[in-house]
Amino acid sequence: MTVTESATPATPTRWTAQWKELKAEVIDTGLCTGCSGCVVTCPHDVIGYEHEEGKYVPFHLETELGPDNCVHGEKGCTTCTRACPRFGAWEPSADMHLFGRIREPDEMAGIWQQLLLTRASDDMVHKMGQDGGFVSAMLIWLREHDYIDAALVSGVEDDDRWKAKPVVVSTREEILATAGSRYTYCANPLALPEAKAAGHERLALVGMGCQTSSPPTMWDRKAGKVAKPFLFNIGLLCSKTFDDAIFAELFEAKYGLAKQDMVKMNIKGAFQIWMKDGSFHEIDLKECHQWTRKGCNHCPDFAAEHADISTGGIGEDNDWTLTIVRTDLGVEVINRMIADGSIIARPAQEDEKAMKLLRMLSIVSRRRWPNDADPAPAVGVPPPKKKAPAPAPAE
């Protein structure tokens, strides 16, 4: 280059994708997880959502251009595609916003700074929570230390403690009342309007990776002010969720386990169920596969890779929670909680099973991502090992 020449910076491509492209690329192809990011960000309130079994998919409410197109999109509104954590190059967008770099090919569980095993030090929180009670302890701590006003979490219907619904919690009592895991789906961002109506301006979002990838994707793509209240993101490790029909059609019909008599459930290599009568049952996960929620079939994100802190109960011990600390804010909070005794922590590497499971389940989930979608989630994923041929029968 001579002194008279100058390098011309590349002109950013103008973002024009709207509902029409979102429906064609994400919803119609089955990539949609039902996270509801497009629903809560739509500035014109024209995207509907049914939080019911077999649905969990957004749809267009206006009839002028039919279900496949949007009047506002034709006029230039692009908010829904900017907010979608499955549209276009969503993984690099969220990576760049949170970490300033794209994950390396060998970072199957995403980018992180610390790997810990944690548990709540408060006996009540530990007992009422799932595994180590870490998420409940963290929400209580964030609220008491003025990081947040409230959190969007999964609650339950008044007449059915296993029917999940999005709720807002802002007190210790409300947080503990929603503790524990339910392996059916709940689009927690749908509670955002309720939080705003109550005047809560600083929120934590608790959700699976499909939900916790949405705020940083919104931020990177400048999807308006909707993402502004999300100040802390807690991701839940998740390989899949199930339709509510699994309770009646499998657990009760085959095993006589009535929904109303269940006390707790977990997944540790099998579907574990504790009953009111003190009995404990394990059901092979292979029996549960046919009730897998449709939105989970192509999800590549087991490890909730775009949260401040990701967490889940994998490994040897039900009393500890695997905790992946990802962002600088996550490190700040976790170190303060350890320092003041709110949680107990030890290196996750002490549990070799948890480490192997984290990598294996992250790889298994990434292999679901279709070849014809954006390639980023599949970068570095090793191919499945070929099964050894069966030995020839003896003569």
Protein backbone atom coordinates (compact mmCIF):
# COMPACT_ATOMS: atom_id res chain seq x y z
CA MET A 1 0.00 0.00 0.00
CA THR A 2 1.42 3.42 -0.94
CA VAL A 3 1.14 6.50 1.24
CA THR A 4 -1.56 7.83 -1.06
CA GLU A 5 -3.74 4.73 -0.61
CA SER A 6 -6.06 4.19 2.31
CA ALA A 7 -7.77 1.10 3.65
CA THR A 8 -11.53 1.46 3.34
CA PRO A 9 -13.34 -0.10 6.30
CA ALA A 10 -16.00 -2.63 5.43
CA THR A 11 -19.48 -1.18 5.51
CA PRO A 12 -21.65 -3.05 8.04
CA THR A 13 -24.42 -4.99 6.39
CA ARG A 14 -27.78 -3.39 7.13
CA TRP A 15 -30.01 -5.67 9.22
CA THR A 16 -33.28 -6.11 7.35
CA ALA A 17 -34.53 -9.53 8.51
CA GLN A 18 -38.01 -9.45 10.04
CA TRP A 19 -40.78 -11.88 11.07
CA LYS A 20 -40.99 -13.30 7.54
CA GLU A 21 -37.37 -14.46 7.74
CA LEU A 22 -37.68 -15.54 11.37
CA LYS A 23 -40.60 -17.83 10.62
CA ALA A 24 -38.92 -19.35 7.57
CA GLU A 25 -35.46 -19.85 9.11
CA VAL A 26 -36.27 -20.72 12.71
CA ILE A 27 -39.91 -21.64 13.31
CA ASP A 28 -40.74 -23.60 10.18
CA THR A 29 -37.44 -25.53 10.30
CA GLY A 30 -37.81 -26.62 13.94
CA LEU A 31 -34.89 -24.56 15.27
CA CYS A 32 -37.26 -22.58 17.50
CA THR A 33 -36.91 -23.53 21.16
CA GLY A 34 -39.91 -21.50 22.29
CA CYS A 35 -37.75 -19.21 24.44
CA SER A 36 -40.24 -16.32 23.85
CA GLY A 37 -37.48 -13.75 23.21
CA CYS A 38 -39.25 -12.52 20.07
CA VAL A 39 -42.55 -12.28 21.95
CA VAL A 40 -41.38 -10.08 24.83
CA THR A 41 -39.32 -7.79 22.59
CA CYS A 42 -41.93 -7.14 19.88
CA PRO A 43 -42.63 -3.38 20.09
CA HIS A 44 -45.99 -3.80 18.34
CA ASP A 45 -47.31 -6.75 20.39
CA VAL A 46 -48.14 -8.76 17.28
CA ILE A 47 -46.40 -12.02 18.22
CA GLY A 48 -48.48 -14.47 20.22
CA TYR A 49 -47.41 -17.48 22.27
CA GLU A 50 -49.27 -20.39 23.83
CA HIS A 51 -47.62 -21.71 26.98
CA GLU A 52 -49.16 -25.14 26.60
CA GLU A 53 -48.13 -28.71 25.95
CA GLY A 54 -47.28 -29.43 22.33
CA LYS A 55 -47.06 -25.71 21.48
CA TYR A 56 -44.48 -23.34 23.02
CA VAL A 57 -44.03 -21.73 19.60
CA PRO A 58 -44.54 -18.06 18.66
CA PHE A 59 -47.04 -17.10 15.98
CA HIS A 60 -48.14 -13.90 14.26
CA LEU A 61 -51.35 -12.27 15.45
CA GLU A 62 -52.11 -9.90 12.60
CA THR A 63 -54.09 -11.14 9.61
CA GLU A 64 -53.37 -8.41 7.05
CA LEU A 65 -50.39 -10.22 5.48
CA GLY A 66 -51.15 -13.65 6.89
CA PRO A 67 -49.16 -15.71 9.40
CA ASP A 68 -45.97 -15.66 7.30
CA ASN A 69 -45.39 -11.93 7.08
CA CYS A 70 -45.64 -8.76 9.17
CA VAL A 71 -46.87 -5.29 8.23
CA HIS A 72 -44.43 -3.71 10.66
CA GLY A 73 -41.61 -5.85 9.29
CA GLU A 74 -42.36 -4.66 5.78
CA LYS A 75 -42.03 -1.11 7.14
CA GLY A 76 -38.60 -1.85 8.62
CA CYS A 77 -39.17 -3.38 12.08
CA THR A 78 -36.52 -6.08 12.73
CA THR A 79 -36.72 -6.50 16.50
CA CYS A 80 -37.86 -10.14 16.53
CA THR A 81 -34.93 -11.45 14.50
CA ARG A 82 -32.45 -9.37 16.51
CA ALA A 83 -33.76 -10.95 19.73
CA CYS A 84 -33.86 -14.55 18.53
CA PRO A 85 -31.10 -16.77 19.97
CA ARG A 86 -31.42 -19.18 17.04
CA PHE A 87 -31.56 -16.77 14.10
CA GLY A 88 -28.46 -16.33 11.94
CA ALA A 89 -25.08 -16.30 13.67
CA TRP A 90 -26.56 -16.11 17.18
CA GLU A 91 -23.72 -17.91 19.01
CA PRO A 92 -20.93 -15.56 17.82
CA SER A 93 -23.17 -12.55 18.53
CA ALA A 94 -23.69 -13.54 22.16
CA ASP A 95 -20.04 -14.61 22.56
CA MET A 96 -18.73 -11.28 21.34
CA HIS A 97 -21.03 -9.27 23.57
CA LEU A 98 -20.27 -11.24 26.74
CA PHE A 99 -16.64 -12.27 26.27
CA GLY A 100 -15.18 -10.15 23.47
CA ARG A 101 -14.23 -13.27 21.54
CA ILE A 102 -15.75 -16.33 19.90
CA ARG A 103 -15.38 -19.67 21.66
CA GLU A 104 -12.47 -21.89 20.62
CA PRO A 105 -13.32 -25.14 18.81
CA ASP A 106 -12.46 -27.24 21.88
CA GLU A 107 -14.66 -25.17 24.24
CA MET A 108 -17.63 -27.50 23.97
CA ALA A 109 -19.30 -26.09 27.10
CA GLY A 110 -18.71 -22.50 26.05
CA ILE A 111 -16.36 -19.89 27.52
CA TRP A 112 -15.80 -19.89 31.27
CA GLN A 113 -13.46 -18.60 33.99
CA GLN A 114 -14.13 -20.90 36.97
CA LEU A 115 -15.55 -24.40 37.43
CA LEU A 116 -16.84 -25.13 40.92
CA LEU A 117 -19.03 -27.48 42.92
CA THR A 118 -21.24 -25.38 45.18
CA ARG A 119 -23.98 -25.74 47.75
CA ALA A 120 -26.00 -23.36 49.89
CA SER A 121 -24.66 -22.98 53.42
CA ASP A 122 -28.15 -22.22 54.78
CA ASP A 123 -29.73 -25.56 55.69
CA MET A 124 -33.25 -24.50 54.72
CA VAL A 125 -32.16 -23.21 51.30
CA HIS A 126 -30.11 -26.36 50.73
CA LYS A 127 -33.01 -28.62 51.68
CA MET A 128 -35.64 -26.80 49.62
CA GLY A 129 -33.48 -26.32 46.54
CA GLN A 130 -32.48 -28.77 43.84
CA ASP A 131 -29.15 -30.57 44.46
CA GLY A 132 -27.06 -27.98 46.33
CA GLY A 133 -29.71 -25.26 46.43
CA PHE A 134 -27.26 -22.94 44.69
CA VAL A 135 -29.71 -21.05 42.44
CA SER A 136 -32.04 -20.21 45.33
CA ALA A 137 -29.08 -19.09 47.45
CA MET A 138 -27.78 -16.88 44.64
CA LEU A 139 -31.14 -15.22 43.97
CA ILE A 140 -31.59 -14.47 47.67
CA TRP A 141 -28.06 -13.05 47.83
CA LEU A 142 -28.49 -10.91 44.69
CA ARG A 143 -31.69 -9.46 46.09
CA GLU A 144 -30.32 -8.82 49.58
CA HIS A 145 -27.16 -7.19 48.19
CA ASP A 146 -29.07 -4.87 45.86
CA TYR A 147 -27.91 -6.32 42.56
CA ILE A 148 -31.49 -6.97 41.42
CA ASP A 149 -35.07 -6.02 42.27
CA ALA A 150 -36.60 -9.34 41.23
CA ALA A 151 -36.07 -12.47 39.14
CA LEU A 152 -37.96 -14.19 36.33
CA VAL A 153 -38.20 -17.89 37.21
CA SER A 154 -40.30 -21.00 36.78
CA GLY A 155 -43.18 -21.23 39.23
CA VAL A 156 -46.17 -23.57 39.37
CA GLU A 157 -49.93 -23.31 39.05
CA ASP A 158 -51.88 -23.02 42.31
CA ASP A 159 -53.71 -26.30 41.71
CA ASP A 160 -50.82 -28.27 40.18
CA ARG A 161 -47.33 -28.16 41.71
CA TRP A 162 -45.84 -29.74 38.57
CA LYS A 163 -47.46 -27.46 35.98
CA ALA A 164 -44.85 -24.80 35.34
CA LYS A 165 -45.60 -21.16 34.64
CA PRO A 166 -43.40 -18.03 34.35
CA VAL A 167 -43.43 -15.93 37.52
CA VAL A 168 -41.69 -12.97 39.14
CA VAL A 169 -40.10 -13.41 42.57
CA SER A 170 -38.72 -10.62 44.72
CA THR A 171 -38.59 -11.94 48.31
CA ARG A 172 -36.82 -14.79 50.06
CA GLU A 173 -40.14 -16.52 50.62
CA GLU A 174 -41.14 -16.25 46.95
CA ILE A 175 -37.73 -17.49 45.81
CA LEU A 176 -37.87 -20.57 48.06
CA ALA A 177 -41.46 -21.29 47.02
CA THR A 178 -40.27 -21.76 43.42
CA ALA A 179 -37.17 -23.82 44.27
CA GLY A 180 -36.58 -27.21 42.68
CA SER A 181 -36.61 -28.51 39.12
CA ARG A 182 -39.50 -29.39 36.86
CA TYR A 183 -38.50 -31.09 33.64
CA THR A 184 -41.34 -29.69 31.59
CA TYR A 185 -40.82 -26.40 29.74
CA CYS A 186 -41.38 -22.90 31.07
CA ALA A 187 -40.66 -19.77 29.00
CA ASN A 188 -39.56 -17.60 31.93
CA PRO A 189 -39.06 -14.38 29.88
CA LEU A 190 -42.84 -14.23 29.49
CA ALA A 191 -42.97 -12.90 33.05
CA LEU A 192 -41.24 -9.68 31.91
CA PRO A 193 -44.47 -7.64 31.52
CA GLU A 194 -45.50 -8.63 35.07
CA ALA A 195 -42.12 -7.50 36.39
CA LYS A 196 -42.39 -4.17 34.58
CA ALA A 197 -45.94 -3.64 35.85
CA ALA A 198 -44.66 -4.14 39.40
CA GLY A 199 -41.97 -1.49 38.85
CA HIS A 200 -39.00 -3.87 38.88
CA GLU A 201 -36.23 -2.35 36.77
CA ARG A 202 -33.29 -4.66 37.58
CA LEU A 203 -33.90 -8.31 36.85
CA ALA A 204 -32.22 -11.67 37.00
CA LEU A 205 -33.30 -14.25 34.44
CA VAL A 206 -33.18 -17.93 35.36
CA GLY A 207 -33.61 -20.25 32.42
CA MET A 208 -32.22 -22.89 30.12
CA GLY A 209 -29.59 -21.98 27.54
CA CYS A 210 -32.22 -21.23 24.91
CA GLN A 211 -33.56 -18.46 27.17
CA THR A 212 -30.33 -17.10 28.65
CA SER A 213 -28.76 -16.68 25.18
CA SER A 214 -31.51 -14.22 24.26
CA PRO A 215 -30.50 -11.11 26.30
CA PRO A 216 -26.86 -11.02 25.12
CA THR A 217 -28.03 -11.68 21.55
CA MET A 218 -30.45 -8.75 21.90
CA TRP A 219 -27.68 -6.53 23.28
CA ASP A 220 -25.22 -7.38 20.53
CA ARG A 221 -27.79 -6.86 17.78
CA LYS A 222 -29.26 -3.72 19.37
CA ALA A 223 -32.81 -5.00 19.72
CA GLY A 224 -34.09 -1.95 21.55
CA LYS A 225 -34.56 -1.32 25.26
CA VAL A 226 -36.30 -4.58 26.15
CA ALA A 227 -33.07 -6.31 27.24
CA LYS A 228 -32.02 -3.41 29.47
CA PRO A 229 -33.59 -4.77 32.71
CA PHE A 230 -31.72 -8.11 32.46
CA LEU A 231 -28.75 -7.46 34.73
CA PHE A 232 -27.90 -11.03 35.75
CA ASN A 233 -28.33 -14.25 33.81
CA ILE A 234 -28.42 -17.69 35.50
CA GLY A 235 -28.37 -20.59 33.07
CA LEU A 236 -29.59 -24.11 33.82
CA LEU A 237 -27.78 -27.08 32.32
CA CYS A 238 -30.33 -28.85 30.13
CA SER A 239 -30.25 -31.67 27.63
CA LYS A 240 -34.02 -31.63 27.02
CA THR A 241 -37.42 -31.00 28.54
CA PHE A 242 -40.58 -33.09 28.30
CA ASP A 243 -44.21 -32.46 27.39
CA ASP A 244 -46.59 -32.47 30.35
CA ALA A 245 -48.27 -35.58 28.94
CA ILE A 246 -45.41 -37.67 30.31
CA PHE A 247 -47.02 -37.53 33.77
CA ALA A 248 -50.28 -39.19 32.75
CA GLU A 249 -49.11 -41.30 29.82
CA LEU A 250 -45.93 -42.79 31.32
CA PHE A 251 -45.42 -42.15 35.02
CA GLU A 252 -49.01 -42.84 36.05
CA ALA A 253 -50.24 -45.14 33.27
CA LYS A 254 -47.27 -47.52 33.40
CA TYR A 255 -45.84 -47.10 36.89
CA GLY A 256 -48.82 -45.91 38.93
CA LEU A 257 -47.00 -42.76 40.03
CA ALA A 258 -49.68 -40.11 40.43
CA LYS A 259 -48.59 -36.55 39.71
CA GLN A 260 -50.17 -35.15 42.86
CA ASP A 261 -48.22 -37.62 45.03
CA MET A 262 -44.77 -36.67 43.70
CA VAL A 263 -42.50 -34.76 46.06
CA LYS A 264 -39.34 -34.25 44.03
CA MET A 265 -37.78 -35.26 40.73
CA ASN A 266 -34.28 -35.26 39.28
CA ILE A 267 -32.37 -36.65 36.33
CA LYS A 268 -29.16 -38.52 37.13
CA GLY A 269 -28.72 -40.99 34.31
CA ALA A 270 -32.35 -41.95 34.90
CA PHE A 271 -35.56 -40.07 35.67
CA GLN A 272 -35.69 -40.11 39.48
CA ILE A 273 -38.96 -39.57 41.35
CA TRP A 274 -39.56 -39.29 45.10
CA MET A 275 -43.13 -39.88 46.36
CA LYS A 276 -45.10 -38.71 49.41
CA ASP A 277 -45.11 -42.23 50.83
CA GLY A 278 -41.31 -42.17 51.01
CA SER A 279 -40.75 -44.43 48.00
CA PHE A 280 -38.13 -43.71 45.36
CA HIS A 281 -38.35 -44.70 41.70
CA GLU A 282 -36.00 -44.61 38.72
CA ILE A 283 -37.28 -44.73 35.14
CA ASP A 284 -34.98 -45.39 32.18
CA LEU A 285 -34.57 -42.20 30.14
CA LYS A 286 -35.02 -44.21 26.95
CA GLU A 287 -38.65 -44.71 27.98
CA CYS A 288 -39.06 -40.94 28.24
CA HIS A 289 -37.70 -40.00 24.81
CA GLN A 290 -41.02 -40.03 22.98
CA TRP A 291 -42.27 -37.22 25.25
CA THR A 292 -39.28 -34.97 24.41
CA ARG A 293 -40.53 -31.47 23.68
CA LYS A 294 -40.27 -30.67 19.97
CA GLY A 295 -38.30 -27.47 20.61
CA CYS A 296 -35.45 -29.45 22.17
CA ASN A 297 -34.72 -31.69 19.18
CA HIS A 298 -32.20 -29.33 17.55
CA CYS A 299 -30.97 -27.35 20.58
CA PRO A 300 -27.13 -27.41 20.71
CA ASP A 301 -26.68 -25.76 24.10
CA PHE A 302 -26.52 -28.14 27.04
CA ALA A 303 -24.28 -25.89 29.14
CA ALA A 304 -26.24 -22.59 28.95
CA GLU A 305 -23.14 -21.04 27.41
CA HIS A 306 -24.28 -17.39 27.49
CA ALA A 307 -25.20 -16.95 31.14
CA ASP A 308 -23.20 -15.09 33.77
CA ILE A 309 -23.24 -18.34 35.74
CA SER A 310 -24.46 -21.72 34.48
CA THR A 311 -25.38 -24.46 36.90
CA GLY A 312 -26.85 -27.93 37.16
CA GLY A 313 -26.85 -31.17 39.11
CA ILE A 314 -24.52 -33.47 37.21
CA GLY A 315 -21.89 -35.63 38.83
CA GLU A 316 -21.58 -37.98 41.76
CA ASP A 317 -23.32 -36.10 44.56
CA ASN A 318 -26.92 -34.80 44.74
CA ASP A 319 -25.86 -32.38 47.48
CA TRP A 320 -23.59 -30.29 45.22
CA THR A 321 -24.27 -28.21 42.11
CA LEU A 322 -21.86 -27.96 39.20
CA THR A 323 -21.30 -24.23 38.72
CA ILE A 324 -19.73 -22.69 35.60
CA VAL A 325 -18.68 -19.09 36.22
CA ARG A 326 -18.43 -17.33 32.87
CA THR A 327 -18.46 -13.51 33.01
CA ASP A 328 -16.58 -10.97 35.11
CA LEU A 329 -19.86 -10.15 36.86
CA GLY A 330 -20.34 -13.85 37.61
CA VAL A 331 -16.85 -14.05 39.11
CA GLU A 332 -17.52 -10.98 41.26
CA VAL A 333 -20.75 -12.40 42.66
CA ILE A 334 -19.50 -15.95 43.25
CA ASN A 335 -16.35 -14.74 45.02
CA ARG A 336 -18.36 -12.46 47.29
CA MET A 337 -20.79 -15.27 48.13
CA ILE A 338 -17.92 -17.62 49.00
CA ALA A 339 -16.19 -14.92 51.05
CA ASP A 340 -19.23 -14.12 53.19
CA GLY A 341 -20.17 -17.78 53.68
CA SER A 342 -23.41 -17.74 51.69
CA ILE A 343 -22.25 -20.78 49.74
CA ILE A 344 -19.66 -23.48 50.16
CA ALA A 345 -17.47 -24.18 47.12
CA ARG A 346 -14.77 -26.58 46.01
CA PRO A 347 -13.03 -27.21 42.67
CA ALA A 348 -15.28 -29.05 40.23
CA GLN A 349 -12.28 -31.01 39.00
CA GLU A 350 -12.57 -33.09 42.18
CA ASP A 351 -15.58 -34.78 40.57
CA GLU A 352 -14.19 -36.48 37.47
CA LYS A 353 -17.61 -37.84 36.54
CA ALA A 354 -19.07 -34.32 36.43
CA MET A 355 -16.24 -33.10 34.21
CA LYS A 356 -16.67 -35.96 31.75
CA LEU A 357 -20.44 -35.55 31.70
CA LEU A 358 -20.19 -31.81 31.08
CA ARG A 359 -18.07 -32.35 27.99
CA MET A 360 -19.95 -35.40 26.74
CA LEU A 361 -23.44 -33.89 27.12
CA SER A 362 -22.29 -30.62 25.55
CA ILE A 363 -20.99 -32.56 22.53
CA VAL A 364 -24.15 -34.66 22.27
CA SER A 365 -26.30 -31.51 22.25
CA ARG A 366 -24.13 -29.73 19.66
CA ARG A 367 -24.46 -32.72 17.34
CA ARG A 368 -28.19 -32.00 17.12
CA TRP A 369 -27.60 -28.72 15.30
CA PRO A 370 -28.57 -29.09 11.61
CA ASN A 371 -25.88 -28.95 8.93
CA ASP A 372 -27.82 -26.38 6.91
CA ALA A 373 -28.04 -23.86 9.78
CA ASP A 374 -25.33 -21.36 10.81
CA PRO A 375 -22.20 -23.50 11.36
CA ALA A 376 -20.88 -21.84 14.56
CA PRO A 377 -22.51 -24.15 17.17
CA ALA A 378 -21.04 -27.22 15.43
CA VAL A 379 -17.47 -25.91 15.15
CA GLY A 380 -15.03 -28.33 16.76
CA VAL A 381 -17.63 -31.00 17.50
CA PRO A 382 -16.03 -34.44 17.12
CA PRO A 383 -17.91 -36.97 15.00
CA PRO A 384 -19.64 -39.84 16.79
CA LYS A 385 -17.48 -42.87 17.32
CA LYS A 386 -18.25 -45.67 14.95
CA LYS A 387 -19.62 -48.75 16.59
CA ALA A 388 -17.36 -51.76 16.36
CA PRO A 389 -18.74 -54.41 14.02
CA ALA A 390 -20.38 -57.36 15.72
CA PRO A 391 -18.12 -60.44 15.92
CA ALA A 392 -18.79 -63.10 13.36
CA PRO A 393 -20.74 -66.07 14.71
CA ALA A 394 -18.64 -69.06 15.65
CA GLU A 395 -18.79 -71.92 13.19
